[in-house]
Amino acid sequence: MLAFHRPILTLRRISRVPWAPAATVLASGVALVAMGNLASNWLDVYLVFFGDQPQVLPSNVAAYRVWGTIAILALAAGVVVHLLNRRRRVLTTIWQALLVVGGAAILVLCYIPGAVDLPVPERDHDGYGAPPCYSGGDNDECVGG
């Protein structure tokens, strides 16, 4: 005779996560620290005085990549753990939503040029790539005569 067993991972077991509130607070704290470091990195590049030009250093690009990744992972972990928490409150749901929106805004607004490698569109070579020729009236030195 076949016996029906309860699955190991049921909704009841997921709803009893005693560490969920602490993990949500920890993820929120890590996300806030990461967003603060992203803003600090952006200010390090663009806060210049007396007509100096902003300079993007490789360390600024690396810092954006590292802290951006940490922010994304912390925000995702906070949302997932919040959803697993059975005792969700309206205020914590609003907090998580504001944190995700604020984190996305910080990631976009504090972008450092060169931090994300985007593909460069290819240009069609149409044969007119020769440099202009200024030979002083003699066309023998110019490409194509």
N, C-alpha and C. Protein backbone atom coordinates (compact mmCIF):
# COMPACT_ATOMS: atom_id res chain seq x y z
N MET A 1 0.84 -1.16 0.00
CA MET A 1 0.00 0.00 0.00
C MET A 1 0.89 1.24 0.00
N LEU A 2 0.55 2.20 -0.80
CA LEU A 2 1.32 3.42 -0.89
C LEU A 2 0.92 4.38 0.21
N ALA A 3 1.93 4.92 0.84
CA ALA A 3 1.66 5.91 1.89
C ALA A 3 2.01 7.29 1.33
N PHE A 4 1.14 8.23 1.58
CA PHE A 4 1.37 9.59 1.12
C PHE A 4 2.12 10.35 2.20
N HIS A 5 3.27 10.88 1.82
CA HIS A 5 4.09 11.64 2.76
C HIS A 5 3.93 13.12 2.46
N ARG A 6 4.05 13.89 3.54
CA ARG A 6 4.04 15.35 3.36
C ARG A 6 5.37 15.77 2.76
N PRO A 7 5.34 16.71 1.86
CA PRO A 7 6.61 17.19 1.31
C PRO A 7 7.46 17.83 2.42
N ILE A 8 8.75 17.78 2.24
CA ILE A 8 9.66 18.31 3.25
C ILE A 8 9.51 19.82 3.36
N LEU A 9 9.40 20.50 2.25
CA LEU A 9 9.32 21.96 2.24
C LEU A 9 7.88 22.38 1.98
N THR A 10 7.18 22.70 3.03
CA THR A 10 5.80 23.12 2.88
C THR A 10 5.67 24.59 3.20
N LEU A 11 4.53 25.13 2.88
CA LEU A 11 4.27 26.54 3.13
C LEU A 11 4.31 26.83 4.63
N ARG A 12 3.91 25.88 5.43
CA ARG A 12 3.92 26.06 6.88
C ARG A 12 5.36 26.23 7.38
N ARG A 13 6.26 25.43 6.87
CA ARG A 13 7.65 25.54 7.32
C ARG A 13 8.30 26.83 6.83
N ILE A 14 7.95 27.27 5.64
CA ILE A 14 8.50 28.52 5.14
C ILE A 14 8.00 29.69 5.97
N SER A 15 6.75 29.62 6.41
CA SER A 15 6.20 30.74 7.16
C SER A 15 6.79 30.85 8.56
N ARG A 16 7.45 29.84 9.06
CA ARG A 16 8.07 29.89 10.39
C ARG A 16 9.57 30.11 10.26
N VAL A 17 9.95 31.30 9.94
CA VAL A 17 11.36 31.64 9.83
C VAL A 17 11.68 32.60 10.97
N PRO A 18 12.26 32.08 12.06
CA PRO A 18 12.46 32.94 13.23
C PRO A 18 13.52 34.01 13.02
N TRP A 19 14.41 33.82 12.07
CA TRP A 19 15.49 34.78 11.85
C TRP A 19 15.15 35.81 10.78
N ALA A 20 13.95 35.76 10.23
CA ALA A 20 13.57 36.67 9.14
C ALA A 20 13.62 38.15 9.53
N PRO A 21 13.09 38.56 10.69
CA PRO A 21 13.18 39.99 11.02
C PRO A 21 14.62 40.47 11.17
N ALA A 22 15.46 39.67 11.79
CA ALA A 22 16.86 40.07 11.96
C ALA A 22 17.58 40.11 10.62
N ALA A 23 17.28 39.17 9.74
CA ALA A 23 17.91 39.16 8.42
C ALA A 23 17.44 40.34 7.57
N THR A 24 16.18 40.72 7.72
CA THR A 24 15.68 41.88 6.99
C THR A 24 16.37 43.15 7.45
N VAL A 25 16.54 43.29 8.76
CA VAL A 25 17.23 44.47 9.31
C VAL A 25 18.69 44.48 8.86
N LEU A 26 19.34 43.33 8.88
CA LEU A 26 20.74 43.23 8.45
C LEU A 26 20.88 43.58 6.97
N ALA A 27 20.00 43.05 6.14
CA ALA A 27 20.06 43.35 4.70
C ALA A 27 19.79 44.83 4.44
N SER A 28 18.86 45.42 5.18
CA SER A 28 18.59 46.85 5.03
C SER A 28 19.80 47.67 5.43
N GLY A 29 20.46 47.28 6.52
CA GLY A 29 21.66 48.00 6.95
C GLY A 29 22.78 47.92 5.94
N VAL A 30 23.00 46.74 5.39
CA VAL A 30 24.05 46.57 4.38
C VAL A 30 23.71 47.38 3.13
N ALA A 31 22.44 47.39 2.73
CA ALA A 31 22.03 48.17 1.56
C ALA A 31 22.24 49.66 1.80
N LEU A 32 21.94 50.15 3.00
CA LEU A 32 22.15 51.56 3.30
C LEU A 32 23.63 51.93 3.29
N VAL A 33 24.47 51.06 3.83
CA VAL A 33 25.92 51.31 3.81
C VAL A 33 26.43 51.32 2.36
N ALA A 34 25.96 50.38 1.56
CA ALA A 34 26.38 50.33 0.15
C ALA A 34 25.93 51.57 -0.61
N MET A 35 24.71 52.03 -0.36
CA MET A 35 24.24 53.24 -1.03
C MET A 35 25.03 54.46 -0.58
N GLY A 36 25.38 54.51 0.70
CA GLY A 36 26.22 55.61 1.18
C GLY A 36 27.59 55.61 0.54
N ASN A 37 28.17 54.44 0.37
CA ASN A 37 29.47 54.34 -0.29
C ASN A 37 29.39 54.67 -1.77
N LEU A 38 28.29 54.33 -2.42
CA LEU A 38 28.11 54.72 -3.82
C LEU A 38 28.03 56.24 -3.95
N ALA A 39 27.29 56.88 -3.05
CA ALA A 39 27.19 58.34 -3.08
C ALA A 39 28.54 58.98 -2.77
N SER A 40 29.27 58.42 -1.81
CA SER A 40 30.59 58.94 -1.47
C SER A 40 31.56 58.79 -2.64
N ASN A 41 31.50 57.68 -3.34
CA ASN A 41 32.34 57.46 -4.51
C ASN A 41 32.02 58.46 -5.60
N TRP A 42 30.73 58.74 -5.81
CA TRP A 42 30.32 59.70 -6.82
C TRP A 42 30.83 61.10 -6.46
N LEU A 43 30.71 61.46 -5.18
CA LEU A 43 31.21 62.76 -4.74
C LEU A 43 32.73 62.84 -4.87
N ASP A 44 33.42 61.73 -4.67
CA ASP A 44 34.87 61.70 -4.82
C ASP A 44 35.28 62.05 -6.25
N VAL A 45 34.47 61.66 -7.21
CA VAL A 45 34.78 61.95 -8.61
C VAL A 45 34.34 63.36 -8.99
N TYR A 46 33.11 63.73 -8.64
CA TYR A 46 32.52 64.94 -9.19
C TYR A 46 32.55 66.16 -8.28
N LEU A 47 32.96 66.05 -7.05
CA LEU A 47 33.05 67.21 -6.17
C LEU A 47 34.43 67.83 -6.35
N VAL A 48 34.51 68.83 -7.21
CA VAL A 48 35.77 69.49 -7.50
C VAL A 48 35.61 70.99 -7.25
N PHE A 49 36.72 71.64 -6.95
CA PHE A 49 36.69 73.06 -6.64
C PHE A 49 37.60 73.84 -7.57
N PHE A 50 37.28 75.11 -7.76
CA PHE A 50 38.11 76.08 -8.47
C PHE A 50 38.40 75.68 -9.91
N GLY A 51 37.40 75.17 -10.62
CA GLY A 51 37.54 74.92 -12.04
C GLY A 51 38.26 73.64 -12.42
N ASP A 52 38.60 72.80 -11.47
CA ASP A 52 39.23 71.52 -11.82
C ASP A 52 38.23 70.65 -12.56
N GLN A 53 38.76 69.79 -13.41
CA GLN A 53 37.92 68.85 -14.15
C GLN A 53 37.82 67.55 -13.36
N PRO A 54 36.62 66.95 -13.29
CA PRO A 54 36.50 65.66 -12.59
C PRO A 54 37.27 64.58 -13.34
N GLN A 55 37.94 63.73 -12.57
CA GLN A 55 38.71 62.65 -13.16
C GLN A 55 38.25 61.32 -12.58
N VAL A 56 37.91 60.42 -13.48
CA VAL A 56 37.48 59.09 -13.08
C VAL A 56 38.71 58.20 -13.04
N LEU A 57 39.01 57.69 -11.85
CA LEU A 57 40.15 56.79 -11.68
C LEU A 57 39.66 55.35 -11.75
N PRO A 58 40.55 54.42 -12.06
CA PRO A 58 40.14 53.01 -12.06
C PRO A 58 39.61 52.55 -10.70
N SER A 59 40.11 53.15 -9.62
CA SER A 59 39.61 52.77 -8.30
C SER A 59 38.15 53.21 -8.11
N ASN A 60 37.75 54.32 -8.73
CA ASN A 60 36.36 54.75 -8.66
C ASN A 60 35.45 53.79 -9.42
N VAL A 61 35.91 53.32 -10.57
CA VAL A 61 35.13 52.35 -11.35
C VAL A 61 34.99 51.05 -10.58
N ALA A 62 36.09 50.58 -9.98
CA ALA A 62 36.05 49.34 -9.20
C ALA A 62 35.14 49.49 -7.99
N ALA A 63 35.21 50.64 -7.33
CA ALA A 63 34.36 50.87 -6.15
C ALA A 63 32.89 50.87 -6.55
N TYR A 64 32.56 51.47 -7.68
CA TYR A 64 31.16 51.47 -8.13
C TYR A 64 30.69 50.04 -8.40
N ARG A 65 31.53 49.26 -9.06
CA ARG A 65 31.13 47.88 -9.37
C ARG A 65 30.93 47.06 -8.10
N VAL A 66 31.85 47.19 -7.15
CA VAL A 66 31.77 46.39 -5.91
C VAL A 66 30.57 46.82 -5.08
N TRP A 67 30.44 48.12 -4.80
CA TRP A 67 29.35 48.58 -3.95
C TRP A 67 28.01 48.47 -4.66
N GLY A 68 27.97 48.59 -5.98
CA GLY A 68 26.73 48.39 -6.71
C GLY A 68 26.25 46.95 -6.61
N THR A 69 27.18 46.02 -6.72
CA THR A 69 26.84 44.60 -6.59
C THR A 69 26.36 44.28 -5.18
N ILE A 70 27.05 44.82 -4.19
CA ILE A 70 26.64 44.60 -2.79
C ILE A 70 25.25 45.19 -2.56
N ALA A 71 24.99 46.38 -3.10
CA ALA A 71 23.67 47.00 -2.92
C ALA A 71 22.57 46.16 -3.56
N ILE A 72 22.81 45.69 -4.77
CA ILE A 72 21.80 44.88 -5.46
C ILE A 72 21.52 43.59 -4.70
N LEU A 73 22.58 42.92 -4.26
CA LEU A 73 22.39 41.67 -3.52
C LEU A 73 21.70 41.90 -2.18
N ALA A 74 22.05 42.97 -1.48
CA ALA A 74 21.42 43.26 -0.19
C ALA A 74 19.95 43.63 -0.36
N LEU A 75 19.65 44.40 -1.39
CA LEU A 75 18.25 44.75 -1.64
C LEU A 75 17.43 43.52 -2.00
N ALA A 76 17.98 42.67 -2.84
CA ALA A 76 17.26 41.44 -3.23
C ALA A 76 17.08 40.52 -2.03
N ALA A 77 18.13 40.37 -1.22
CA ALA A 77 18.02 39.51 -0.03
C ALA A 77 17.00 40.07 0.95
N GLY A 78 16.98 41.38 1.13
CA GLY A 78 16.00 41.99 2.03
C GLY A 78 14.58 41.76 1.58
N VAL A 79 14.33 41.87 0.29
CA VAL A 79 12.98 41.66 -0.23
C VAL A 79 12.57 40.19 -0.09
N VAL A 80 13.48 39.28 -0.43
CA VAL A 80 13.15 37.85 -0.34
C VAL A 80 12.88 37.45 1.10
N VAL A 81 13.74 37.87 2.02
CA VAL A 81 13.54 37.50 3.42
C VAL A 81 12.28 38.16 3.96
N HIS A 82 12.00 39.37 3.54
CA HIS A 82 10.76 40.04 3.97
C HIS A 82 9.54 39.27 3.48
N LEU A 83 9.59 38.78 2.25
CA LEU A 83 8.46 38.01 1.74
C LEU A 83 8.31 36.67 2.44
N LEU A 84 9.41 36.10 2.93
CA LEU A 84 9.33 34.83 3.65
C LEU A 84 8.83 35.00 5.08
N ASN A 85 8.87 36.22 5.58
CA ASN A 85 8.45 36.47 6.95
C ASN A 85 6.92 36.40 7.03
N ARG A 86 6.43 35.59 7.93
CA ARG A 86 4.99 35.42 8.08
C ARG A 86 4.37 36.65 8.73
N ARG A 87 5.11 37.29 9.59
CA ARG A 87 4.59 38.44 10.33
C ARG A 87 5.00 39.75 9.67
N ARG A 88 4.67 39.89 8.42
CA ARG A 88 4.97 41.13 7.71
C ARG A 88 4.08 42.24 8.23
N ARG A 89 4.64 43.40 8.37
CA ARG A 89 3.89 44.58 8.78
C ARG A 89 3.82 45.54 7.58
N VAL A 90 2.84 46.39 7.60
CA VAL A 90 2.67 47.35 6.52
C VAL A 90 3.86 48.30 6.47
N LEU A 91 4.32 48.76 7.63
CA LEU A 91 5.44 49.69 7.66
C LEU A 91 6.72 49.06 7.12
N THR A 92 6.96 47.80 7.42
CA THR A 92 8.17 47.16 6.89
C THR A 92 8.06 46.93 5.38
N THR A 93 6.85 46.69 4.91
CA THR A 93 6.66 46.54 3.47
C THR A 93 6.91 47.88 2.76
N ILE A 94 6.41 48.96 3.35
CA ILE A 94 6.66 50.29 2.79
C ILE A 94 8.15 50.60 2.84
N TRP A 95 8.82 50.24 3.95
CA TRP A 95 10.26 50.48 4.08
C TRP A 95 11.03 49.73 3.00
N GLN A 96 10.69 48.48 2.78
CA GLN A 96 11.39 47.70 1.76
C GLN A 96 11.15 48.29 0.37
N ALA A 97 9.94 48.74 0.10
CA ALA A 97 9.65 49.35 -1.21
C ALA A 97 10.45 50.64 -1.39
N LEU A 98 10.48 51.48 -0.36
CA LEU A 98 11.26 52.72 -0.44
C LEU A 98 12.75 52.44 -0.59
N LEU A 99 13.22 51.42 0.09
CA LEU A 99 14.63 51.05 0.01
C LEU A 99 15.00 50.57 -1.39
N VAL A 100 14.15 49.80 -2.00
CA VAL A 100 14.42 49.32 -3.36
C VAL A 100 14.38 50.48 -4.36
N VAL A 101 13.40 51.35 -4.23
CA VAL A 101 13.31 52.50 -5.15
C VAL A 101 14.50 53.43 -4.94
N GLY A 102 14.84 53.71 -3.67
CA GLY A 102 15.99 54.56 -3.38
C GLY A 102 17.30 53.94 -3.84
N GLY A 103 17.44 52.63 -3.66
CA GLY A 103 18.65 51.95 -4.12
C GLY A 103 18.79 52.00 -5.63
N ALA A 104 17.69 51.81 -6.33
CA ALA A 104 17.74 51.90 -7.80
C ALA A 104 18.09 53.32 -8.23
N ALA A 105 17.55 54.31 -7.53
CA ALA A 105 17.86 55.71 -7.87
C ALA A 105 19.33 56.02 -7.62
N ILE A 106 19.86 55.54 -6.51
CA ILE A 106 21.28 55.77 -6.19
C ILE A 106 22.17 55.09 -7.23
N LEU A 107 21.81 53.88 -7.63
CA LEU A 107 22.60 53.16 -8.63
C LEU A 107 22.62 53.91 -9.96
N VAL A 108 21.51 54.52 -10.32
CA VAL A 108 21.45 55.25 -11.59
C VAL A 108 22.10 56.62 -11.47
N LEU A 109 21.78 57.35 -10.40
CA LEU A 109 22.27 58.72 -10.27
C LEU A 109 23.76 58.79 -9.95
N CYS A 110 24.28 57.80 -9.27
CA CYS A 110 25.70 57.81 -8.88
C CYS A 110 26.55 56.96 -9.82
N TYR A 111 26.10 56.80 -11.04
CA TYR A 111 26.83 56.00 -12.03
C TYR A 111 28.17 56.67 -12.34
N ILE A 112 29.21 55.86 -12.41
CA ILE A 112 30.54 56.32 -12.78
C ILE A 112 30.79 55.87 -14.23
N PRO A 113 31.13 56.79 -15.14
CA PRO A 113 31.36 56.39 -16.53
C PRO A 113 32.44 55.33 -16.65
N GLY A 114 32.14 54.30 -17.41
CA GLY A 114 33.07 53.20 -17.61
C GLY A 114 32.84 52.03 -16.67
N ALA A 115 31.91 52.17 -15.73
CA ALA A 115 31.69 51.09 -14.76
C ALA A 115 30.93 49.92 -15.36
N VAL A 116 30.14 50.17 -16.36
CA VAL A 116 29.38 49.11 -17.03
C VAL A 116 29.87 49.04 -18.46
N ASP A 117 30.34 47.88 -18.85
CA ASP A 117 30.85 47.70 -20.21
C ASP A 117 29.68 47.45 -21.16
N LEU A 118 29.36 48.46 -21.94
CA LEU A 118 28.29 48.34 -22.92
C LEU A 118 28.89 48.05 -24.29
N PRO A 119 28.22 47.27 -25.11
CA PRO A 119 28.75 46.99 -26.44
C PRO A 119 28.73 48.27 -27.29
N VAL A 120 29.79 48.46 -28.04
CA VAL A 120 29.91 49.62 -28.92
C VAL A 120 29.30 49.24 -30.26
N PRO A 121 28.38 50.06 -30.76
CA PRO A 121 27.78 49.71 -32.05
C PRO A 121 28.83 49.78 -33.16
N GLU A 122 28.74 48.81 -34.06
CA GLU A 122 29.70 48.75 -35.16
C GLU A 122 29.31 49.75 -36.23
N ARG A 123 30.32 50.40 -36.78
CA ARG A 123 30.09 51.34 -37.87
C ARG A 123 30.35 50.65 -39.19
N ASP A 124 29.49 50.93 -40.14
CA ASP A 124 29.69 50.38 -41.48
C ASP A 124 30.79 51.16 -42.17
N HIS A 125 31.74 50.43 -42.75
CA HIS A 125 32.82 51.08 -43.49
C HIS A 125 32.35 51.26 -44.92
N ASP A 126 32.13 52.51 -45.30
CA ASP A 126 31.59 52.77 -46.63
C ASP A 126 32.65 53.19 -47.63
N GLY A 127 33.93 53.13 -47.29
CA GLY A 127 34.99 53.42 -48.23
C GLY A 127 35.43 54.87 -48.23
N TYR A 128 34.75 55.71 -47.51
CA TYR A 128 35.10 57.12 -47.48
C TYR A 128 35.84 57.47 -46.20
N GLY A 129 36.71 56.60 -45.78
CA GLY A 129 37.44 56.82 -44.54
C GLY A 129 38.78 57.48 -44.73
N ALA A 130 39.11 57.92 -45.94
CA ALA A 130 40.42 58.55 -46.18
C ALA A 130 40.44 59.93 -45.53
N PRO A 131 41.58 60.28 -44.96
CA PRO A 131 41.67 61.60 -44.35
C PRO A 131 41.64 62.68 -45.41
N PRO A 132 41.20 63.89 -45.03
CA PRO A 132 41.18 64.97 -46.02
C PRO A 132 42.61 65.33 -46.43
N CYS A 133 42.77 65.70 -47.67
CA CYS A 133 44.09 65.99 -48.21
C CYS A 133 44.21 67.47 -48.54
N TYR A 134 45.23 68.08 -48.01
CA TYR A 134 45.50 69.49 -48.30
C TYR A 134 46.90 69.57 -48.91
N SER A 135 46.97 69.39 -50.21
CA SER A 135 48.27 69.32 -50.87
C SER A 135 48.71 70.64 -51.50
N GLY A 136 47.92 71.66 -51.33
CA GLY A 136 48.29 72.95 -51.93
C GLY A 136 48.00 73.01 -53.40
N GLY A 137 47.02 72.27 -53.89
CA GLY A 137 46.63 72.35 -55.28
C GLY A 137 47.10 71.17 -56.11
N ASP A 138 48.05 70.37 -55.62
CA ASP A 138 48.55 69.23 -56.36
C ASP A 138 47.86 67.97 -55.83
N ASN A 139 47.13 67.24 -56.64
CA ASN A 139 46.41 66.07 -56.22
C ASN A 139 47.24 64.80 -56.28
N ASP A 140 48.50 64.87 -56.63
CA ASP A 140 49.33 63.66 -56.72
C ASP A 140 49.59 63.06 -55.34
N GLU A 141 49.56 63.85 -54.27
CA GLU A 141 49.85 63.36 -52.93
C GLU A 141 48.60 62.86 -52.21
N CYS A 142 47.43 63.12 -52.74
CA CYS A 142 46.17 62.74 -52.11
C CYS A 142 45.79 61.30 -52.48
N VAL A 143 45.07 60.66 -51.59
CA VAL A 143 44.58 59.31 -51.82
C VAL A 143 43.52 59.38 -52.91
N GLY A 144 43.64 58.57 -53.90
CA GLY A 144 42.65 58.50 -54.97
C GLY A 144 42.91 59.50 -56.08
N GLY A 145 43.99 60.25 -56.04
CA GLY A 145 44.36 61.13 -57.15
C GLY A 145 43.88 62.53 -57.06
